[in-house]
Amino acid sequence: MLAAMPGDADYERLFAFRTELRRFVRWSEDAAHDAGLTPALHQLLLAVRGGGSDDAGPTIGSTAEALLVKHHTAVELAQRAEAAGLLKRMRDDSDHRMVHLRLTPTGEKRLAELSDRHLEAIQPLAKRLTDLAS
């Protein structure tokens, strides 16, 4: 239950916050396209590279959870990425139902290039969002 109704300044801050997030997402999608990837493939590569410390790589299931998509959607994305030479799918040694994902050298290179651009872009974004939150 709210203690008080939001005022004009609250709505303005919320609108500005959401606008900044949307601008970043649009910029990120354009950057992925410029790098020859769909935004979904870019997010998949990032989830595989940043998705845990398991030496075998994250599983399709854990990647689906991280991407907030259904299992079969993650499978389709992984198949497209593998066909493009960006990652490899490998069955788990002890549980053959599980499939792990690992980036190929090509996938690592493409992701690193995009990540450099994104890391530069999030610093000013973080400052703007912090300013809006206070």
Foldseek 3Di string as FASTA:
>chain_A
DDPDDDDPLLVVLVVVLVVLVVVLVVVLQVLQVVLVHGSVLLLLLCCQVVVDDPPQTDWLVSSCVVVVHDSVVSVVSQVVCVVVQFWDWDADPVHRVIIHIDGDPVNVVSNVVSVVVSVVVVVVSVVVNVVSVD
